[in-house]
N, C-alpha and C. Protein backbone atom coordinates (compact mmCIF):
# COMPACT_ATOMS: atom_id res chain seq x y z
N MET A 1 -72.28 58.91 18.93
CA MET A 1 -72.28 57.60 19.47
C MET A 1 -70.87 57.10 19.68
N ARG A 2 -70.77 56.60 20.74
CA ARG A 2 -69.48 56.10 21.16
C ARG A 2 -69.43 54.60 21.04
N THR A 3 -68.31 54.10 20.46
CA THR A 3 -68.18 52.65 20.32
C THR A 3 -67.21 52.14 21.38
N THR A 4 -67.62 51.15 22.04
CA THR A 4 -66.78 50.55 23.06
C THR A 4 -66.50 49.10 22.66
N ILE A 5 -65.24 48.76 22.83
CA ILE A 5 -64.84 47.38 22.53
C ILE A 5 -64.74 46.64 23.85
N GLN A 6 -65.43 45.60 23.89
CA GLN A 6 -65.39 44.80 25.11
C GLN A 6 -64.68 43.47 24.80
N PHE A 7 -63.78 43.11 25.70
CA PHE A 7 -63.10 41.82 25.58
C PHE A 7 -63.79 40.83 26.49
N ARG A 8 -64.14 39.76 25.89
CA ARG A 8 -64.73 38.72 26.72
C ARG A 8 -63.73 37.58 26.79
N SER A 9 -63.45 37.13 27.92
CA SER A 9 -62.53 36.02 28.06
C SER A 9 -63.28 34.73 27.83
N THR A 10 -62.61 33.88 27.11
CA THR A 10 -63.22 32.58 26.84
C THR A 10 -62.47 31.55 27.65
N PRO A 11 -63.09 30.48 28.00
CA PRO A 11 -62.41 29.46 28.79
C PRO A 11 -61.24 28.84 28.03
N VAL A 12 -61.28 28.74 26.71
CA VAL A 12 -60.18 28.15 25.95
C VAL A 12 -58.99 29.09 25.97
N GLY A 13 -59.18 30.36 25.80
CA GLY A 13 -58.09 31.33 25.80
C GLY A 13 -57.38 31.37 27.13
N ASP A 14 -58.14 31.31 28.23
CA ASP A 14 -57.51 31.30 29.56
C ASP A 14 -56.66 30.05 29.74
N ALA A 15 -57.11 28.92 29.25
CA ALA A 15 -56.37 27.66 29.40
C ALA A 15 -55.05 27.72 28.62
N VAL A 16 -55.09 28.30 27.41
CA VAL A 16 -53.88 28.41 26.60
C VAL A 16 -52.90 29.36 27.28
N PHE A 17 -53.40 30.48 27.76
CA PHE A 17 -52.53 31.45 28.44
C PHE A 17 -51.91 30.84 29.67
N ASN A 18 -52.69 30.12 30.46
CA ASN A 18 -52.18 29.49 31.69
C ASN A 18 -51.15 28.41 31.36
N ALA A 19 -51.37 27.64 30.30
CA ALA A 19 -50.43 26.57 29.93
C ALA A 19 -49.10 27.17 29.50
N SER A 20 -49.13 28.21 28.68
CA SER A 20 -47.88 28.81 28.24
C SER A 20 -47.14 29.44 29.42
N ARG A 21 -47.89 30.02 30.37
CA ARG A 21 -47.26 30.61 31.57
C ARG A 21 -46.61 29.52 32.40
N GLN A 22 -47.26 28.37 32.51
CA GLN A 22 -46.70 27.26 33.28
C GLN A 22 -45.41 26.75 32.62
N VAL A 23 -45.37 26.69 31.29
CA VAL A 23 -44.16 26.27 30.59
C VAL A 23 -43.04 27.27 30.87
N TRP A 24 -43.34 28.54 30.83
CA TRP A 24 -42.34 29.58 31.11
C TRP A 24 -41.80 29.44 32.52
N LEU A 25 -42.70 29.27 33.49
CA LEU A 25 -42.27 29.13 34.89
C LEU A 25 -41.46 27.86 35.10
N ALA A 26 -41.83 26.77 34.38
CA ALA A 26 -41.08 25.51 34.50
C ALA A 26 -39.67 25.68 33.96
N SER A 27 -39.52 26.41 32.84
CA SER A 27 -38.18 26.62 32.29
C SER A 27 -37.33 27.48 33.21
N LEU A 28 -37.96 28.49 33.86
CA LEU A 28 -37.20 29.29 34.84
C LEU A 28 -36.77 28.42 36.01
N GLY A 29 -37.66 27.55 36.46
CA GLY A 29 -37.31 26.66 37.57
C GLY A 29 -36.18 25.71 37.17
N ALA A 30 -36.22 25.18 35.92
CA ALA A 30 -35.16 24.29 35.45
C ALA A 30 -33.82 25.01 35.39
N ALA A 31 -33.84 26.27 34.98
CA ALA A 31 -32.61 27.06 34.91
C ALA A 31 -32.02 27.26 36.31
N VAL A 32 -32.88 27.53 37.28
CA VAL A 32 -32.40 27.73 38.65
C VAL A 32 -31.84 26.43 39.22
N VAL A 33 -32.55 25.33 39.01
CA VAL A 33 -32.08 24.03 39.52
C VAL A 33 -30.76 23.67 38.85
N THR A 34 -30.63 23.92 37.54
CA THR A 34 -29.40 23.62 36.81
C THR A 34 -28.25 24.46 37.34
N ARG A 35 -28.52 25.75 37.59
CA ARG A 35 -27.47 26.63 38.13
C ARG A 35 -27.01 26.14 39.48
N ASP A 36 -27.96 25.78 40.35
CA ASP A 36 -27.59 25.28 41.68
C ASP A 36 -26.79 23.99 41.57
N TRP A 37 -27.22 23.08 40.67
CA TRP A 37 -26.52 21.81 40.50
C TRP A 37 -25.12 22.05 39.95
N ALA A 38 -24.99 22.99 38.98
CA ALA A 38 -23.69 23.27 38.39
C ALA A 38 -22.74 23.85 39.44
N GLN A 39 -23.27 24.63 40.37
CA GLN A 39 -22.41 25.22 41.41
C GLN A 39 -21.99 24.22 42.46
N THR A 40 -22.86 23.27 42.75
CA THR A 40 -22.54 22.35 43.85
C THR A 40 -21.99 21.01 43.38
N GLU A 41 -22.67 20.31 42.47
CA GLU A 41 -22.31 18.94 42.13
C GLU A 41 -21.68 18.77 40.76
N ALA A 42 -21.89 19.66 39.86
CA ALA A 42 -21.44 19.47 38.47
C ALA A 42 -19.93 19.36 38.35
N GLY A 43 -19.19 20.07 39.18
CA GLY A 43 -17.74 20.01 39.10
C GLY A 43 -17.21 18.61 39.30
N ASP A 44 -17.73 17.93 40.33
CA ASP A 44 -17.30 16.55 40.60
C ASP A 44 -17.71 15.61 39.47
N VAL A 45 -18.95 15.75 39.01
CA VAL A 45 -19.44 14.89 37.93
C VAL A 45 -18.63 15.14 36.66
N MET A 46 -18.36 16.41 36.37
CA MET A 46 -17.62 16.76 35.15
C MET A 46 -16.19 16.20 35.22
N ARG A 47 -15.54 16.34 36.37
CA ARG A 47 -14.19 15.79 36.52
C ARG A 47 -14.20 14.27 36.35
N THR A 48 -15.18 13.59 36.88
CA THR A 48 -15.29 12.13 36.74
C THR A 48 -15.49 11.75 35.27
N LEU A 49 -16.37 12.50 34.59
CA LEU A 49 -16.61 12.21 33.18
C LEU A 49 -15.35 12.44 32.34
N VAL A 50 -14.62 13.52 32.62
CA VAL A 50 -13.39 13.81 31.88
C VAL A 50 -12.35 12.73 32.14
N LYS A 51 -12.24 12.29 33.39
CA LYS A 51 -11.28 11.24 33.75
C LYS A 51 -11.61 9.94 33.02
N GLU A 52 -12.88 9.53 33.00
CA GLU A 52 -13.30 8.32 32.30
C GLU A 52 -13.08 8.45 30.80
N GLY A 53 -13.43 9.61 30.26
CA GLY A 53 -13.24 9.84 28.83
C GLY A 53 -11.78 9.77 28.43
N THR A 54 -10.90 10.32 29.25
CA THR A 54 -9.46 10.28 28.97
C THR A 54 -8.95 8.84 28.97
N ALA A 55 -9.41 8.04 29.94
CA ALA A 55 -8.97 6.65 30.01
C ALA A 55 -9.45 5.87 28.78
N VAL A 56 -10.70 6.07 28.39
CA VAL A 56 -11.23 5.36 27.23
C VAL A 56 -10.52 5.82 25.96
N GLU A 57 -10.27 7.13 25.86
CA GLU A 57 -9.59 7.66 24.67
C GLU A 57 -8.18 7.09 24.54
N SER A 58 -7.42 7.07 25.62
CA SER A 58 -6.06 6.55 25.53
C SER A 58 -6.05 5.06 25.19
N LYS A 59 -7.01 4.31 25.74
CA LYS A 59 -7.11 2.89 25.42
C LYS A 59 -7.45 2.69 23.95
N ALA A 60 -8.39 3.49 23.44
CA ALA A 60 -8.79 3.39 22.03
C ALA A 60 -7.63 3.77 21.11
N ILE A 61 -6.92 4.83 21.45
CA ILE A 61 -5.78 5.27 20.64
C ILE A 61 -4.70 4.19 20.62
N ARG A 62 -4.46 3.56 21.78
CA ARG A 62 -3.46 2.49 21.84
C ARG A 62 -3.86 1.32 20.95
N MET A 63 -5.13 0.93 21.03
CA MET A 63 -5.59 -0.21 20.22
C MET A 63 -5.53 0.12 18.73
N VAL A 64 -6.03 1.29 18.38
CA VAL A 64 -6.02 1.68 16.97
C VAL A 64 -4.59 1.87 16.49
N GLY A 65 -3.76 2.48 17.31
CA GLY A 65 -2.36 2.70 16.96
C GLY A 65 -1.63 1.40 16.70
N ASN A 66 -1.85 0.41 17.57
CA ASN A 66 -1.20 -0.89 17.38
C ASN A 66 -1.65 -1.56 16.09
N ARG A 67 -2.94 -1.46 15.81
CA ARG A 67 -3.45 -2.08 14.59
C ARG A 67 -2.96 -1.35 13.35
N VAL A 68 -2.93 -0.03 13.42
CA VAL A 68 -2.44 0.74 12.28
C VAL A 68 -0.96 0.46 12.06
N GLU A 69 -0.20 0.41 13.16
CA GLU A 69 1.23 0.12 13.05
C GLU A 69 1.46 -1.26 12.44
N GLY A 70 0.69 -2.25 12.91
CA GLY A 70 0.80 -3.59 12.34
C GLY A 70 0.43 -3.61 10.87
N SER A 71 -0.61 -2.88 10.51
CA SER A 71 -1.02 -2.82 9.11
C SER A 71 0.05 -2.15 8.26
N LEU A 72 0.64 -1.08 8.78
CA LEU A 72 1.69 -0.39 8.03
C LEU A 72 2.92 -1.29 7.86
N LEU A 73 3.28 -2.01 8.90
CA LEU A 73 4.42 -2.93 8.79
C LEU A 73 4.15 -4.00 7.75
N LYS A 74 2.93 -4.56 7.78
CA LYS A 74 2.58 -5.60 6.81
C LYS A 74 2.57 -5.03 5.40
N ALA A 75 1.99 -3.83 5.23
CA ALA A 75 1.94 -3.22 3.90
C ALA A 75 3.35 -2.93 3.38
N ASN A 76 4.23 -2.42 4.24
CA ASN A 76 5.61 -2.16 3.82
C ASN A 76 6.32 -3.45 3.44
N SER A 77 6.08 -4.50 4.21
CA SER A 77 6.71 -5.79 3.90
C SER A 77 6.24 -6.32 2.54
N VAL A 78 4.95 -6.26 2.30
CA VAL A 78 4.41 -6.73 1.02
C VAL A 78 4.95 -5.87 -0.12
N TRP A 79 5.03 -4.56 0.11
CA TRP A 79 5.54 -3.65 -0.92
C TRP A 79 7.00 -3.96 -1.24
N ARG A 80 7.81 -4.16 -0.22
CA ARG A 80 9.23 -4.48 -0.45
C ARG A 80 9.38 -5.80 -1.21
N GLN A 81 8.58 -6.79 -0.82
CA GLN A 81 8.65 -8.09 -1.49
C GLN A 81 8.23 -7.97 -2.95
N ALA A 82 7.16 -7.22 -3.22
CA ALA A 82 6.71 -7.03 -4.60
C ALA A 82 7.77 -6.29 -5.41
N ARG A 83 8.37 -5.28 -4.81
CA ARG A 83 9.40 -4.52 -5.51
C ARG A 83 10.60 -5.41 -5.83
N ALA A 84 11.03 -6.22 -4.86
CA ALA A 84 12.18 -7.11 -5.09
C ALA A 84 11.86 -8.13 -6.18
N THR A 85 10.64 -8.64 -6.18
CA THR A 85 10.23 -9.60 -7.21
C THR A 85 10.23 -8.96 -8.59
N VAL A 86 9.70 -7.76 -8.68
CA VAL A 86 9.68 -7.06 -9.97
C VAL A 86 11.10 -6.77 -10.44
N GLU A 87 11.94 -6.28 -9.54
CA GLU A 87 13.33 -5.98 -9.92
C GLU A 87 14.04 -7.25 -10.40
N ALA A 88 13.87 -8.34 -9.67
CA ALA A 88 14.52 -9.60 -10.05
C ALA A 88 14.01 -10.09 -11.40
N THR A 89 12.72 -9.99 -11.62
CA THR A 89 12.14 -10.43 -12.89
C THR A 89 12.66 -9.59 -14.05
N VAL A 90 12.70 -8.27 -13.84
CA VAL A 90 13.19 -7.39 -14.90
C VAL A 90 14.66 -7.65 -15.18
N ARG A 91 15.45 -7.83 -14.12
CA ARG A 91 16.89 -8.13 -14.31
C ARG A 91 17.06 -9.45 -15.07
N GLN A 92 16.28 -10.44 -14.67
CA GLN A 92 16.39 -11.74 -15.33
C GLN A 92 16.01 -11.64 -16.80
N ALA A 93 14.93 -10.91 -17.10
CA ALA A 93 14.52 -10.74 -18.49
C ALA A 93 15.58 -9.99 -19.27
N ALA A 94 16.14 -8.94 -18.67
CA ALA A 94 17.19 -8.17 -19.35
C ALA A 94 18.43 -9.03 -19.56
N ASP A 95 18.82 -9.80 -18.55
CA ASP A 95 19.99 -10.68 -18.68
C ASP A 95 19.76 -11.71 -19.78
N THR A 96 18.57 -12.28 -19.81
CA THR A 96 18.25 -13.27 -20.84
C THR A 96 18.30 -12.64 -22.22
N ALA A 97 17.73 -11.44 -22.36
CA ALA A 97 17.73 -10.76 -23.66
C ALA A 97 19.15 -10.43 -24.10
N VAL A 98 19.96 -9.93 -23.17
CA VAL A 98 21.35 -9.59 -23.51
C VAL A 98 22.12 -10.84 -23.90
N THR A 99 21.96 -11.90 -23.13
CA THR A 99 22.66 -13.16 -23.43
C THR A 99 22.22 -13.71 -24.78
N PHE A 100 20.92 -13.68 -25.04
CA PHE A 100 20.40 -14.17 -26.31
C PHE A 100 20.94 -13.34 -27.46
N MET A 101 20.93 -12.03 -27.31
CA MET A 101 21.41 -11.16 -28.40
C MET A 101 22.91 -11.37 -28.62
N GLN A 102 23.67 -11.50 -27.53
CA GLN A 102 25.11 -11.70 -27.68
C GLN A 102 25.41 -13.04 -28.35
N SER A 103 24.61 -14.05 -28.05
CA SER A 103 24.89 -15.36 -28.64
C SER A 103 24.37 -15.44 -30.07
N SER A 104 23.35 -14.68 -30.42
CA SER A 104 22.78 -14.80 -31.76
C SER A 104 23.43 -13.84 -32.76
N LEU A 105 24.06 -12.78 -32.32
CA LEU A 105 24.73 -11.87 -33.24
C LEU A 105 26.09 -12.41 -33.63
N PRO A 106 26.54 -12.08 -34.81
CA PRO A 106 27.88 -12.54 -35.21
C PRO A 106 28.95 -11.94 -34.30
N ARG A 107 30.03 -12.69 -34.15
CA ARG A 107 31.11 -12.25 -33.26
C ARG A 107 31.88 -11.06 -33.83
N SER A 108 31.79 -10.84 -35.13
CA SER A 108 32.61 -9.80 -35.76
C SER A 108 32.01 -8.40 -35.61
N LEU A 109 30.86 -8.27 -34.98
CA LEU A 109 30.27 -6.94 -34.77
C LEU A 109 31.12 -6.16 -33.78
N PRO A 110 31.15 -4.86 -33.94
CA PRO A 110 31.92 -4.08 -32.96
C PRO A 110 31.27 -4.17 -31.58
N LYS A 111 32.09 -4.16 -30.58
CA LYS A 111 31.60 -4.24 -29.20
C LYS A 111 31.02 -2.89 -28.81
N VAL A 112 29.87 -2.93 -28.20
CA VAL A 112 29.20 -1.71 -27.74
C VAL A 112 29.03 -1.84 -26.24
N LYS A 113 29.41 -0.81 -25.55
CA LYS A 113 29.25 -0.84 -24.09
C LYS A 113 27.78 -0.60 -23.78
N LEU A 114 27.19 -1.54 -23.06
CA LEU A 114 25.78 -1.45 -22.71
C LEU A 114 25.60 -0.59 -21.47
N PRO A 115 24.47 0.06 -21.35
CA PRO A 115 24.20 0.78 -20.11
C PRO A 115 24.19 -0.19 -18.94
N SER A 116 24.50 0.31 -17.77
CA SER A 116 24.65 -0.57 -16.61
C SER A 116 23.37 -1.33 -16.31
N MET A 117 22.21 -0.75 -16.64
CA MET A 117 20.97 -1.46 -16.33
C MET A 117 20.76 -2.66 -17.26
N LEU A 118 21.48 -2.71 -18.39
CA LEU A 118 21.33 -3.82 -19.32
C LEU A 118 22.44 -4.85 -19.20
N THR A 119 23.48 -4.55 -18.45
CA THR A 119 24.56 -5.52 -18.30
C THR A 119 24.11 -6.62 -17.35
N PRO A 120 24.60 -7.82 -17.56
CA PRO A 120 24.20 -8.90 -16.66
C PRO A 120 24.57 -8.58 -15.23
N SER A 121 23.72 -8.97 -14.34
CA SER A 121 23.95 -8.65 -12.93
C SER A 121 25.12 -9.47 -12.39
N VAL A 122 25.57 -9.09 -11.22
CA VAL A 122 26.70 -9.75 -10.56
C VAL A 122 26.36 -11.22 -10.34
N HIS A 123 25.11 -11.50 -9.99
CA HIS A 123 24.68 -12.87 -9.74
C HIS A 123 24.85 -13.72 -11.01
N VAL A 124 24.44 -13.18 -12.14
CA VAL A 124 24.56 -13.92 -13.40
C VAL A 124 26.03 -14.08 -13.76
N ARG A 125 26.83 -13.03 -13.54
CA ARG A 125 28.27 -13.12 -13.83
C ARG A 125 28.92 -14.20 -12.96
N ALA A 126 28.50 -14.28 -11.70
CA ALA A 126 29.06 -15.30 -10.81
C ALA A 126 28.68 -16.69 -11.32
N LYS A 127 27.44 -16.85 -11.77
CA LYS A 127 27.02 -18.14 -12.31
C LYS A 127 27.86 -18.50 -13.54
N ARG A 128 28.11 -17.50 -14.39
CA ARG A 128 28.90 -17.74 -15.59
C ARG A 128 30.32 -18.14 -15.22
N ALA A 129 30.88 -17.48 -14.19
CA ALA A 129 32.25 -17.80 -13.78
C ALA A 129 32.33 -19.25 -13.30
N ILE A 130 31.28 -19.69 -12.62
CA ILE A 130 31.26 -21.07 -12.14
C ILE A 130 31.06 -22.01 -13.32
N ALA A 131 30.23 -21.59 -14.27
CA ALA A 131 29.89 -22.46 -15.38
C ALA A 131 30.89 -22.38 -16.53
N LYS A 132 31.94 -21.54 -16.43
CA LYS A 132 32.90 -21.37 -17.53
C LYS A 132 33.57 -22.68 -17.93
N PRO A 133 34.10 -23.46 -16.99
CA PRO A 133 34.73 -24.72 -17.41
C PRO A 133 33.76 -25.62 -18.16
N ALA A 134 32.52 -25.70 -17.71
CA ALA A 134 31.54 -26.55 -18.39
C ALA A 134 31.23 -25.97 -19.76
N ALA A 135 31.14 -24.66 -19.86
CA ALA A 135 30.85 -24.02 -21.14
C ALA A 135 32.00 -24.23 -22.11
N LYS A 136 33.23 -24.14 -21.60
CA LYS A 136 34.40 -24.37 -22.47
C LYS A 136 34.40 -25.80 -23.00
N ALA A 137 34.10 -26.74 -22.12
CA ALA A 137 34.05 -28.15 -22.54
C ALA A 137 32.95 -28.36 -23.58
N LYS A 138 31.82 -27.71 -23.39
CA LYS A 138 30.72 -27.84 -24.33
C LYS A 138 31.09 -27.24 -25.69
N ARG A 139 31.74 -26.05 -25.65
CA ARG A 139 32.17 -25.42 -26.90
C ARG A 139 33.20 -26.28 -27.62
N ALA A 140 34.10 -26.87 -26.86
CA ALA A 140 35.13 -27.73 -27.46
C ALA A 140 34.49 -28.95 -28.12
N ALA A 141 33.51 -29.53 -27.45
CA ALA A 141 32.81 -30.69 -28.02
C ALA A 141 32.06 -30.29 -29.28
N LYS A 142 31.46 -29.11 -29.27
CA LYS A 142 30.73 -28.62 -30.44
C LYS A 142 31.70 -28.38 -31.60
N THR A 143 32.84 -27.80 -31.27
CA THR A 143 33.85 -27.55 -32.30
C THR A 143 34.34 -28.87 -32.90
N ARG A 144 34.59 -29.86 -32.05
CA ARG A 144 35.03 -31.17 -32.54
C ARG A 144 33.96 -31.79 -33.42
N ALA A 145 32.71 -31.68 -33.01
CA ALA A 145 31.62 -32.25 -33.81
C ALA A 145 31.53 -31.54 -35.15
N THR A 146 31.67 -30.24 -35.14
CA THR A 146 31.61 -29.47 -36.40
C THR A 146 32.75 -29.88 -37.32
N LYS A 147 33.95 -30.02 -36.76
CA LYS A 147 35.10 -30.43 -37.57
C LYS A 147 34.88 -31.83 -38.15
N THR A 148 34.30 -32.71 -37.35
CA THR A 148 34.04 -34.07 -37.81
C THR A 148 33.02 -34.06 -38.95
N VAL A 149 31.99 -33.24 -38.82
CA VAL A 149 30.97 -33.14 -39.88
C VAL A 149 31.60 -32.59 -41.15
N LYS A 150 32.44 -31.58 -41.03
CA LYS A 150 33.12 -31.00 -42.20
C LYS A 150 34.01 -32.03 -42.88
N ARG A 151 34.75 -32.80 -42.08
CA ARG A 151 35.61 -33.84 -42.66
C ARG A 151 34.78 -34.88 -43.40
N ALA A 152 33.63 -35.23 -42.78
CA ALA A 152 32.77 -36.24 -43.43
C ALA A 152 32.23 -35.69 -44.74
N LYS A 153 31.83 -34.44 -44.79
CA LYS A 153 31.34 -33.85 -46.04
C LYS A 153 32.42 -33.82 -47.10
N ARG A 154 33.63 -33.45 -46.68
CA ARG A 154 34.76 -33.44 -47.65
C ARG A 154 35.01 -34.85 -48.20
N ALA A 155 34.92 -35.83 -47.32
CA ALA A 155 35.14 -37.20 -47.75
C ALA A 155 34.07 -37.66 -48.74
N VAL A 156 32.82 -37.26 -48.48
CA VAL A 156 31.71 -37.62 -49.38
C VAL A 156 31.92 -36.94 -50.72
N LYS A 157 32.31 -35.66 -50.74
CA LYS A 157 32.57 -34.95 -51.98
C LYS A 157 33.71 -35.60 -52.76
N ALA A 158 34.75 -35.94 -52.03
CA ALA A 158 35.92 -36.57 -52.68
C ALA A 158 35.53 -37.92 -53.28
N ALA A 159 34.69 -38.66 -52.57
CA ALA A 159 34.27 -39.98 -53.04
C ALA A 159 33.37 -39.86 -54.28
N THR A 160 32.55 -38.86 -54.31
CA THR A 160 31.63 -38.68 -55.44
C THR A 160 32.35 -38.16 -56.66
N LYS A 161 33.45 -37.43 -56.53
CA LYS A 161 34.23 -36.92 -57.66
C LYS A 161 34.95 -38.04 -58.36
N LYS A 162 35.36 -39.06 -57.68
CA LYS A 162 36.18 -40.13 -58.26
C LYS A 162 35.36 -41.03 -59.05
């Protein structure tokens, strides 16, 4: 006995096969139309698109560049100002500390050369040079007052001894 296989076509199978064939043929047609368009019109369209893109890119770069440049200038300015403020504050604190220590320590201590970062700045030295006559007058008045107080104490002691 011989077995024979028979294929029966169904209406659904034919519809699926025809639909997939139509998709294949449509894609081939799209490829041909695209090739023809690329050969004839795409060059002009592509050149126009590149030209427009270049113009927009340069405009965007200019705008962003200007803003970045402005931001960098502002950031550098703020940084310089902050640095100058910190330096001035540190110098002022160091000058104050040095002046306080020099005035509070006894005069008979040996002189020690301070590192340059701890010496009073030129600005402070200039102020001192201007204020020297006033400081001398103040010291002289203090000395006179001290001498007067000492004389008064001696007089009180002398009076109490008698």
